[in-house]
Amino acid sequence: MQSLQGKINKLLTALRLHGRTLKVNTQQYYSEKRDKIVTKMILWETTPKEGETFYSKADLLMRLAEIWKEVQESDKEGEGPAGGAEGEDD
C-alpha cells in the first residue's frame, strides 16, 4: 500500500501537469499543549501567507483530492489543462 506522502506527491504532480502548481511548506514547532514537536503543512499556490494550513497529512491529501476533482470537472467542460498546448516547452 502506498504511503500518504506518496499519494500527496502523485496528486501534486498530476495537478502540475494540468496547470495547477501547488506547493507544500512544512514547519515544525514545539507544542506545550501536546508536549511534543508538531508539524504544520501549508498548501499554497501564490504565496505561503495565503495558503491553507493542515496538521494532518490525511487532511492535506483530502484537500488535494478535492482540487483534483475540480480540475477534472473543468477539463470535462472543455476548458482543458491550463498552461498552453501539449508538447510546448517552457
PDB file of N, CA and C in Angstrom:
ATOM      1  N   MET A   1       0.844  -1.184   0.000  1.00  0.00           N
ATOM      2  CA  MET A   1       0.000   0.000   0.000  1.00  0.00           C
ATOM      3  C   MET A   1       0.882   1.237   0.000  1.00  0.00           C
ATOM      4  N   GLN A   2       0.482   2.231  -0.754  1.00  0.00           N
ATOM      5  CA  GLN A   2       1.247   3.456  -0.888  1.00  0.00           C
ATOM      6  C   GLN A   2       1.050   4.352   0.333  1.00  0.00           C
ATOM      7  N   SER A   3       2.122   5.006   0.756  1.00  0.00           N
ATOM      8  CA  SER A   3       2.044   5.892   1.912  1.00  0.00           C
ATOM      9  C   SER A   3       1.264   7.166   1.568  1.00  0.00           C
ATOM     10  N   LEU A   4       0.847   7.875   2.598  1.00  0.00           N
ATOM     11  CA  LEU A   4       0.142   9.146   2.382  1.00  0.00           C
ATOM     12  C   LEU A   4       1.032  10.121   1.625  1.00  0.00           C
ATOM     13  N   GLN A   5       2.314  10.176   1.980  1.00  0.00           N
ATOM     14  CA  GLN A   5       3.219  11.103   1.307  1.00  0.00           C
ATOM     15  C   GLN A   5       3.336  10.766  -0.176  1.00  0.00           C
ATOM     16  N   GLY A   6       3.372   9.493  -0.518  1.00  0.00           N
ATOM     17  CA  GLY A   6       3.433   9.087  -1.919  1.00  0.00           C
ATOM     18  C   GLY A   6       2.199   9.533  -2.689  1.00  0.00           C
ATOM     19  N   LYS A   7       1.037   9.405  -2.072  1.00  0.00           N
ATOM     20  CA  LYS A   7      -0.204   9.845  -2.714  1.00  0.00           C
ATOM     21  C   LYS A   7      -0.244  11.361  -2.864  1.00  0.00           C
ATOM     22  N   ILE A   8       0.246  12.074  -1.851  1.00  0.00           N
ATOM     23  CA  ILE A   8       0.317  13.537  -1.926  1.00  0.00           C
ATOM     24  C   ILE A   8       1.212  13.946  -3.087  1.00  0.00           C
ATOM     25  N   ASN A   9       2.372  13.301  -3.202  1.00  0.00           N
ATOM     26  CA  ASN A   9       3.310  13.620  -4.283  1.00  0.00           C
ATOM     27  C   ASN A   9       2.699  13.345  -5.654  1.00  0.00           C
ATOM     28  N   LYS A  10       1.978  12.241  -5.791  1.00  0.00           N
ATOM     29  CA  LYS A  10       1.353  11.915  -7.078  1.00  0.00           C
ATOM     30  C   LYS A  10       0.282  12.940  -7.450  1.00  0.00           C
ATOM     31  N   LEU A  11      -0.520  13.348  -6.480  1.00  0.00           N
ATOM     32  CA  LEU A  11      -1.549  14.357  -6.761  1.00  0.00           C
ATOM     33  C   LEU A  11      -0.925  15.704  -7.111  1.00  0.00           C
ATOM     34  N   LEU A  12       0.137  16.094  -6.409  1.00  0.00           N
ATOM     35  CA  LEU A  12       0.811  17.352  -6.736  1.00  0.00           C
ATOM     36  C   LEU A  12       1.370  17.317  -8.156  1.00  0.00           C
ATOM     37  N   THR A  13       1.926  16.171  -8.553  1.00  0.00           N
ATOM     38  CA  THR A  13       2.460  16.016  -9.905  1.00  0.00           C
ATOM     39  C   THR A  13       1.340  16.071 -10.935  1.00  0.00           C
ATOM     40  N   ALA A  14       0.255  15.357 -10.687  1.00  0.00           N
ATOM     41  CA  ALA A  14      -0.875  15.343 -11.617  1.00  0.00           C
ATOM     42  C   ALA A  14      -1.462  16.746 -11.765  1.00  0.00           C
ATOM     43  N   LEU A  15      -1.592  17.465 -10.666  1.00  0.00           N
ATOM     44  CA  LEU A  15      -2.121  18.822 -10.723  1.00  0.00           C
ATOM     45  C   LEU A  15      -1.192  19.740 -11.511  1.00  0.00           C
ATOM     46  N   ARG A  16       0.117  19.576 -11.317  1.00  0.00           N
ATOM     47  CA  ARG A  16       1.078  20.395 -12.056  1.00  0.00           C
ATOM     48  C   ARG A  16       0.974  20.133 -13.557  1.00  0.00           C
ATOM     49  N   LEU A  17       0.771  18.868 -13.926  1.00  0.00           N
ATOM     50  CA  LEU A  17       0.628  18.533 -15.342  1.00  0.00           C
ATOM     51  C   LEU A  17      -0.639  19.116 -15.953  1.00  0.00           C
ATOM     52  N   HIS A  18      -1.603  19.455 -15.099  1.00  0.00           N
ATOM     53  CA  HIS A  18      -2.851  20.066 -15.569  1.00  0.00           C
ATOM     54  C   HIS A  18      -2.882  21.569 -15.307  1.00  0.00           C
ATOM     55  N   GLY A  19      -1.709  22.144 -15.056  1.00  0.00           N
ATOM     56  CA  GLY A  19      -1.620  23.595 -14.965  1.00  0.00           C
ATOM     57  C   GLY A  19      -1.777  24.201 -13.592  1.00  0.00           C
ATOM     58  N   ARG A  20      -1.918  23.404 -12.553  1.00  0.00           N
ATOM     59  CA  ARG A  20      -2.050  23.929 -11.187  1.00  0.00           C
ATOM     60  C   ARG A  20      -0.773  23.609 -10.426  1.00  0.00           C
ATOM     61  N   THR A  21       0.052  24.607 -10.188  1.00  0.00           N
ATOM     62  CA  THR A  21       1.299  24.398  -9.467  1.00  0.00           C
ATOM     63  C   THR A  21       1.087  24.749  -7.999  1.00  0.00           C
ATOM     64  N   LEU A  22       0.875  23.722  -7.202  1.00  0.00           N
ATOM     65  CA  LEU A  22       0.681  23.886  -5.765  1.00  0.00           C
ATOM     66  C   LEU A  22       1.962  23.477  -5.050  1.00  0.00           C
ATOM     67  N   LYS A  23       2.256  24.158  -3.954  1.00  0.00           N
ATOM     68  CA  LYS A  23       3.429  23.851  -3.169  1.00  0.00           C
ATOM     69  C   LYS A  23       3.020  23.563  -1.735  1.00  0.00           C
ATOM     70  N   VAL A  24       3.858  22.787  -1.038  1.00  0.00           N
ATOM     71  CA  VAL A  24       3.603  22.473   0.363  1.00  0.00           C
ATOM     72  C   VAL A  24       4.846  22.854   1.161  1.00  0.00           C
ATOM     73  N   ASN A  25       4.678  23.762   2.105  1.00  0.00           N
ATOM     74  CA  ASN A  25       5.739  24.100   3.048  1.00  0.00           C
ATOM     75  C   ASN A  25       5.447  23.368   4.350  1.00  0.00           C
ATOM     76  N   THR A  26       6.494  22.944   5.023  1.00  0.00           N
ATOM     77  CA  THR A  26       6.311  22.337   6.341  1.00  0.00           C
ATOM     78  C   THR A  26       7.082  23.142   7.366  1.00  0.00           C
ATOM     79  N   GLN A  27       6.498  23.262   8.533  1.00  0.00           N
ATOM     80  CA  GLN A  27       7.145  23.940   9.656  1.00  0.00           C
ATOM     81  C   GLN A  27       6.969  23.061  10.884  1.00  0.00           C
ATOM     82  N   GLN A  28       8.006  22.981  11.678  1.00  0.00           N
ATOM     83  CA  GLN A  28       7.913  22.235  12.921  1.00  0.00           C
ATOM     84  C   GLN A  28       8.079  23.192  14.090  1.00  0.00           C
ATOM     85  N   TYR A  29       7.332  22.937  15.142  1.00  0.00           N
ATOM     86  CA  TYR A  29       7.461  23.725  16.351  1.00  0.00           C
ATOM     87  C   TYR A  29       7.073  22.862  17.537  1.00  0.00           C
ATOM     88  N   TYR A  30       7.486  23.296  18.714  1.00  0.00           N
ATOM     89  CA  TYR A  30       7.171  22.564  19.929  1.00  0.00           C
ATOM     90  C   TYR A  30       5.824  23.021  20.466  1.00  0.00           C
ATOM     91  N   SER A  31       4.938  22.067  20.704  1.00  0.00           N
ATOM     92  CA  SER A  31       3.622  22.364  21.260  1.00  0.00           C
ATOM     93  C   SER A  31       3.636  22.046  22.753  1.00  0.00           C
ATOM     94  N   GLU A  32       3.492  23.071  23.566  1.00  0.00           N
ATOM     95  CA  GLU A  32       3.433  22.847  25.010  1.00  0.00           C
ATOM     96  C   GLU A  32       2.164  22.095  25.385  1.00  0.00           C
ATOM     97  N   LYS A  33       1.089  22.357  24.663  1.00  0.00           N
ATOM     98  CA  LYS A  33      -0.194  21.700  24.926  1.00  0.00           C
ATOM     99  C   LYS A  33      -0.073  20.185  24.747  1.00  0.00           C
ATOM    100  N   ARG A  34       0.623  19.761  23.660  1.00  0.00           N
ATOM    101  CA  ARG A  34       0.780  18.328  23.377  1.00  0.00           C
ATOM    102  C   ARG A  34       2.097  17.761  23.898  1.00  0.00           C
ATOM    103  N   ASP A  35       2.983  18.637  24.338  1.00  0.00           N
ATOM    104  CA  ASP A  35       4.294  18.250  24.859  1.00  0.00           C
ATOM    105  C   ASP A  35       5.093  17.436  23.843  1.00  0.00           C
ATOM    106  N   LYS A  36       5.082  17.920  22.597  1.00  0.00           N
ATOM    107  CA  LYS A  36       5.846  17.259  21.543  1.00  0.00           C
ATOM    108  C   LYS A  36       6.041  18.209  20.364  1.00  0.00           C
ATOM    109  N   ILE A  37       6.893  17.789  19.425  1.00  0.00           N
ATOM    110  CA  ILE A  37       7.106  18.539  18.198  1.00  0.00           C
ATOM    111  C   ILE A  37       5.923  18.288  17.265  1.00  0.00           C
ATOM    112  N   VAL A  38       5.380  19.366  16.692  1.00  0.00           N
ATOM    113  CA  VAL A  38       4.230  19.284  15.803  1.00  0.00           C
ATOM    114  C   VAL A  38       4.652  19.810  14.428  1.00  0.00           C
ATOM    115  N   THR A  39       4.188  19.154  13.374  1.00  0.00           N
ATOM    116  CA  THR A  39       4.474  19.597  12.010  1.00  0.00           C
ATOM    117  C   THR A  39       3.230  20.249  11.428  1.00  0.00           C
ATOM    118  N   LYS A  40       3.425  21.448  10.908  1.00  0.00           N
ATOM    119  CA  LYS A  40       2.354  22.196  10.262  1.00  0.00           C
ATOM    120  C   LYS A  40       2.672  22.227   8.774  1.00  0.00           C
ATOM    121  N   MET A  41       1.689  21.892   7.931  1.00  0.00           N
ATOM    122  CA  MET A  41       1.859  21.910   6.481  1.00  0.00           C
ATOM    123  C   MET A  41       1.008  23.031   5.897  1.00  0.00           C
ATOM    124  N   ILE A  42       1.600  23.795   4.988  1.00  0.00           N
ATOM    125  CA  ILE A  42       0.898  24.905   4.357  1.00  0.00           C
ATOM    126  C   ILE A  42       0.824  24.618   2.860  1.00  0.00           C
ATOM    127  N   LEU A  43      -0.393  24.495   2.342  1.00  0.00           N
ATOM    128  CA  LEU A  43      -0.627  24.273   0.918  1.00  0.00           C
ATOM    129  C   LEU A  43      -0.894  25.621   0.282  1.00  0.00           C
ATOM    130  N   TRP A  44      -0.083  25.976  -0.725  1.00  0.00           N
ATOM    131  CA  TRP A  44      -0.236  27.287  -1.338  1.00  0.00           C
ATOM    132  C   TRP A  44       0.053  27.254  -2.824  1.00  0.00           C
ATOM    133  N   GLU A  45      -0.501  28.271  -3.499  1.00  0.00           N
ATOM    134  CA  GLU A  45      -0.310  28.395  -4.944  1.00  0.00           C
ATOM    135  C   GLU A  45       0.429  29.684  -5.277  1.00  0.00           C
ATOM    136  N   THR A  46       0.070  30.797  -4.654  1.00  0.00           N
ATOM    137  CA  THR A  46       0.730  32.062  -4.950  1.00  0.00           C
ATOM    138  C   THR A  46       1.723  32.464  -3.871  1.00  0.00           C
ATOM    139  N   THR A  47       1.270  32.568  -2.632  1.00  0.00           N
ATOM    140  CA  THR A  47       2.176  32.890  -1.536  1.00  0.00           C
ATOM    141  C   THR A  47       1.828  32.027  -0.318  1.00  0.00           C
ATOM    142  N   PRO A  48       2.839  31.641   0.464  1.00  0.00           N
ATOM    143  CA  PRO A  48       2.562  30.819   1.648  1.00  0.00           C
ATOM    144  C   PRO A  48       1.650  31.506   2.653  1.00  0.00           C
ATOM    145  N   LYS A  49       1.695  32.839   2.705  1.00  0.00           N
ATOM    146  CA  LYS A  49       0.848  33.567   3.656  1.00  0.00           C
ATOM    147  C   LYS A  49      -0.630  33.406   3.335  1.00  0.00           C
ATOM    148  N   GLU A  50      -0.953  33.125   2.069  1.00  0.00           N
ATOM    149  CA  GLU A  50      -2.348  32.961   1.655  1.00  0.00           C
ATOM    150  C   GLU A  50      -2.747  31.491   1.580  1.00  0.00           C
ATOM    151  N   GLY A  51      -1.894  30.602   2.050  1.00  0.00           N
ATOM    152  CA  GLY A  51      -2.146  29.173   1.934  1.00  0.00           C
ATOM    153  C   GLY A  51      -3.076  28.628   3.000  1.00  0.00           C
ATOM    154  N   GLU A  52      -3.440  27.356   2.808  1.00  0.00           N
ATOM    155  CA  GLU A  52      -4.275  26.644   3.772  1.00  0.00           C
ATOM    156  C   GLU A  52      -3.362  25.845   4.698  1.00  0.00           C
ATOM    157  N   THR A  53      -3.679  25.815   5.980  1.00  0.00           N
ATOM    158  CA  THR A  53      -2.857  25.139   6.972  1.00  0.00           C
ATOM    159  C   THR A  53      -3.469  23.804   7.348  1.00  0.00           C
ATOM    160  N   PHE A  54      -2.601  22.783   7.436  1.00  0.00           N
ATOM    161  CA  PHE A  54      -3.017  21.435   7.820  1.00  0.00           C
ATOM    162  C   PHE A  54      -2.057  20.897   8.874  1.00  0.00           C
ATOM    163  N   TYR A  55      -2.579  20.104   9.797  1.00  0.00           N
ATOM    164  CA  TYR A  55      -1.752  19.470  10.806  1.00  0.00           C
ATOM    165  C   TYR A  55      -1.762  17.955  10.635  1.00  0.00           C
ATOM    166  N   SER A  56      -2.408  17.484   9.573  1.00  0.00           N
ATOM    167  CA  SER A  56      -2.525  16.060   9.297  1.00  0.00           C
ATOM    168  C   SER A  56      -2.318  15.836   7.803  1.00  0.00           C
ATOM    169  N   LYS A  57      -1.468  14.867   7.462  1.00  0.00           N
ATOM    170  CA  LYS A  57      -1.265  14.547   6.053  1.00  0.00           C
ATOM    171  C   LYS A  57      -2.555  14.017   5.427  1.00  0.00           C
ATOM    172  N   ALA A  58      -3.372  13.341   6.203  1.00  0.00           N
ATOM    173  CA  ALA A  58      -4.644  12.821   5.688  1.00  0.00           C
ATOM    174  C   ALA A  58      -5.559  13.974   5.272  1.00  0.00           C
ATOM    175  N   ASP A  59      -5.608  15.042   6.080  1.00  0.00           N
ATOM    176  CA  ASP A  59      -6.428  16.205   5.736  1.00  0.00           C
ATOM    177  C   ASP A  59      -5.878  16.913   4.497  1.00  0.00           C
ATOM    178  N   LEU A  60      -4.555  17.012   4.400  1.00  0.00           N
ATOM    179  CA  LEU A  60      -3.926  17.610   3.227  1.00  0.00           C
ATOM    180  C   LEU A  60      -4.252  16.797   1.979  1.00  0.00           C
ATOM    181  N   LEU A  61      -4.177  15.482   2.086  1.00  0.00           N
ATOM    182  CA  LEU A  61      -4.490  14.601   0.962  1.00  0.00           C
ATOM    183  C   LEU A  61      -5.944  14.769   0.524  1.00  0.00           C
ATOM    184  N   MET A  62      -6.856  14.881   1.472  1.00  0.00           N
ATOM    185  CA  MET A  62      -8.272  15.074   1.148  1.00  0.00           C
ATOM    186  C   MET A  62      -8.475  16.390   0.389  1.00  0.00           C
ATOM    187  N   ARG A  63      -7.793  17.451   0.807  1.00  0.00           N
ATOM    188  CA  ARG A  63      -7.926  18.740   0.117  1.00  0.00           C
ATOM    189  C   ARG A  63      -7.365  18.653  -1.299  1.00  0.00           C
ATOM    190  N   LEU A  64      -6.227  17.986  -1.465  1.00  0.00           N
ATOM    191  CA  LEU A  64      -5.655  17.815  -2.797  1.00  0.00           C
ATOM    192  C   LEU A  64      -6.594  17.013  -3.692  1.00  0.00           C
ATOM    193  N   ALA A  65      -7.262  16.008  -3.124  1.00  0.00           N
ATOM    194  CA  ALA A  65      -8.222  15.210  -3.894  1.00  0.00           C
ATOM    195  C   ALA A  65      -9.395  16.077  -4.344  1.00  0.00           C
ATOM    196  N   GLU A  66      -9.852  16.988  -3.483  1.00  0.00           N
ATOM    197  CA  GLU A  66     -10.931  17.911  -3.862  1.00  0.00           C
ATOM    198  C   GLU A  66     -10.500  18.806  -5.018  1.00  0.00           C
ATOM    199  N   ILE A  67      -9.277  19.335  -4.938  1.00  0.00           N
ATOM    200  CA  ILE A  67      -8.767  20.190  -6.010  1.00  0.00           C
ATOM    201  C   ILE A  67      -8.642  19.391  -7.298  1.00  0.00           C
ATOM    202  N   TRP A  68      -8.186  18.140  -7.196  1.00  0.00           N
ATOM    203  CA  TRP A  68      -8.056  17.272  -8.374  1.00  0.00           C
ATOM    204  C   TRP A  68      -9.415  17.064  -9.037  1.00  0.00           C
ATOM    205  N   LYS A  69     -10.464  16.846  -8.231  1.00  0.00           N
ATOM    206  CA  LYS A  69     -11.814  16.675  -8.785  1.00  0.00           C
ATOM    207  C   LYS A  69     -12.268  17.938  -9.512  1.00  0.00           C
ATOM    208  N   GLU A  70     -11.960  19.104  -8.941  1.00  0.00           N
ATOM    209  CA  GLU A  70     -12.314  20.369  -9.595  1.00  0.00           C
ATOM    210  C   GLU A  70     -11.612  20.487 -10.948  1.00  0.00           C
ATOM    211  N   VAL A  71     -10.340  20.117 -10.993  1.00  0.00           N
ATOM    212  CA  VAL A  71      -9.571  20.184 -12.238  1.00  0.00           C
ATOM    213  C   VAL A  71     -10.156  19.221 -13.268  1.00  0.00           C
ATOM    214  N   GLN A  72     -10.510  18.013 -12.833  1.00  0.00           N
ATOM    215  CA  GLN A  72     -11.085  17.029 -13.747  1.00  0.00           C
ATOM    216  C   GLN A  72     -12.417  17.511 -14.302  1.00  0.00           C
ATOM    217  N   GLU A  73     -13.242  18.132 -13.464  1.00  0.00           N
ATOM    218  CA  GLU A  73     -14.533  18.647 -13.920  1.00  0.00           C
ATOM    219  C   GLU A  73     -14.354  19.776 -14.923  1.00  0.00           C
ATOM    220  N   SER A  74     -13.382  20.644 -14.683  1.00  0.00           N
ATOM    221  CA  SER A  74     -13.155  21.739 -15.634  1.00  0.00           C
ATOM    222  C   SER A  74     -12.606  21.212 -16.952  1.00  0.00           C
ATOM    223  N   ASP A  75     -11.818  20.121 -16.920  1.00  0.00           N
ATOM    224  CA  ASP A  75     -11.330  19.501 -18.157  1.00  0.00           C
ATOM    225  C   ASP A  75     -12.486  18.904 -18.953  1.00  0.00           C
ATOM    226  N   LYS A  76     -13.451  18.313 -18.261  1.00  0.00           N
ATOM    227  CA  LYS A  76     -14.603  17.714 -18.934  1.00  0.00           C
ATOM    228  C   LYS A  76     -15.473  18.775 -19.594  1.00  0.00           C
ATOM    229  N   GLU A  77     -15.480  19.976 -19.023  1.00  0.00           N
ATOM    230  CA  GLU A  77     -16.279  21.064 -19.573  1.00  0.00           C
ATOM    231  C   GLU A  77     -15.602  21.700 -20.779  1.00  0.00           C
ATOM    232  N   GLY A  78     -14.459  21.179 -21.175  1.00  0.00           N
ATOM    233  CA  GLY A  78     -13.797  21.661 -22.376  1.00  0.00           C
ATOM    234  C   GLY A  78     -12.769  22.745 -22.177  1.00  0.00           C
ATOM    235  N   GLU A  79     -12.507  23.096 -20.924  1.00  0.00           N
ATOM    236  CA  GLU A  79     -11.529  24.140 -20.670  1.00  0.00           C
ATOM    237  C   GLU A  79     -10.115  23.630 -20.898  1.00  0.00           C
ATOM    238  N   GLY A  80      -9.886  22.343 -20.697  1.00  0.00           N
ATOM    239  CA  GLY A  80      -8.570  21.750 -20.907  1.00  0.00           C
ATOM    240  C   GLY A  80      -7.585  22.180 -19.844  1.00  0.00           C
ATOM    241  N   PRO A  81      -6.415  21.564 -19.836  1.00  0.00           N
ATOM    242  CA  PRO A  81      -5.421  21.937 -18.838  1.00  0.00           C
ATOM    243  C   PRO A  81      -4.883  23.335 -19.095  1.00  0.00           C
ATOM    244  N   ALA A  82      -4.677  24.065 -18.035  1.00  0.00           N
ATOM    245  CA  ALA A  82      -4.120  25.417 -18.163  1.00  0.00           C
ATOM    246  C   ALA A  82      -2.647  25.317 -18.492  1.00  0.00           C
ATOM    247  N   GLY A  83      -2.106  26.369 -19.057  1.00  0.00           N
ATOM    248  CA  GLY A  83      -0.675  26.400 -19.286  1.00  0.00           C
ATOM    249  C   GLY A  83      -0.263  26.202 -20.724  1.00  0.00           C
ATOM    250  N   GLY A  84      -1.175  26.176 -21.663  1.00  0.00           N
ATOM    251  CA  GLY A  84      -0.800  26.124 -23.070  1.00  0.00           C
ATOM    252  C   GLY A  84      -1.002  24.773 -23.706  1.00  0.00           C
ATOM    253  N   ALA A  85      -0.572  24.657 -24.962  1.00  0.00           N
ATOM    254  CA  ALA A  85      -0.769  23.446 -25.749  1.00  0.00           C
ATOM    255  C   ALA A  85       0.184  22.353 -25.308  1.00  0.00           C
ATOM    256  N   GLU A  86      -0.213  21.117 -25.571  1.00  0.00           N
ATOM    257  CA  GLU A  86       0.642  19.990 -25.242  1.00  0.00           C
ATOM    258  C   GLU A  86       1.894  20.032 -26.087  1.00  0.00           C
ATOM    259  N   GLY A  87       2.989  19.572 -25.485  1.00  0.00           N
ATOM    260  CA  GLY A  87       4.232  19.496 -26.211  1.00  0.00           C
ATOM    261  C   GLY A  87       4.999  20.802 -26.252  1.00  0.00           C
ATOM    262  N   GLU A  88       4.436  21.846 -25.668  1.00  0.00           N
ATOM    263  CA  GLU A  88       5.101  23.133 -25.644  1.00  0.00           C
ATOM    264  C   GLU A  88       6.122  23.144 -24.533  1.00  0.00           C
ATOM    265  N   ASP A  89       7.320  23.608 -24.793  1.00  0.00           N
ATOM    266  CA  ASP A  89       8.351  23.689 -23.761  1.00  0.00           C
ATOM    267  C   ASP A  89       8.298  25.040 -23.086  1.00  0.00           C
ATOM    268  N   ASP A  90       8.644  25.043 -21.787  1.00  0.00           N
ATOM    269  CA  ASP A  90       8.689  26.311 -21.040  1.00  0.00           C
ATOM    270  C   ASP A  90      10.045  26.939 -21.190  1.00  0.00           C
TER     271      ASP A  90
END
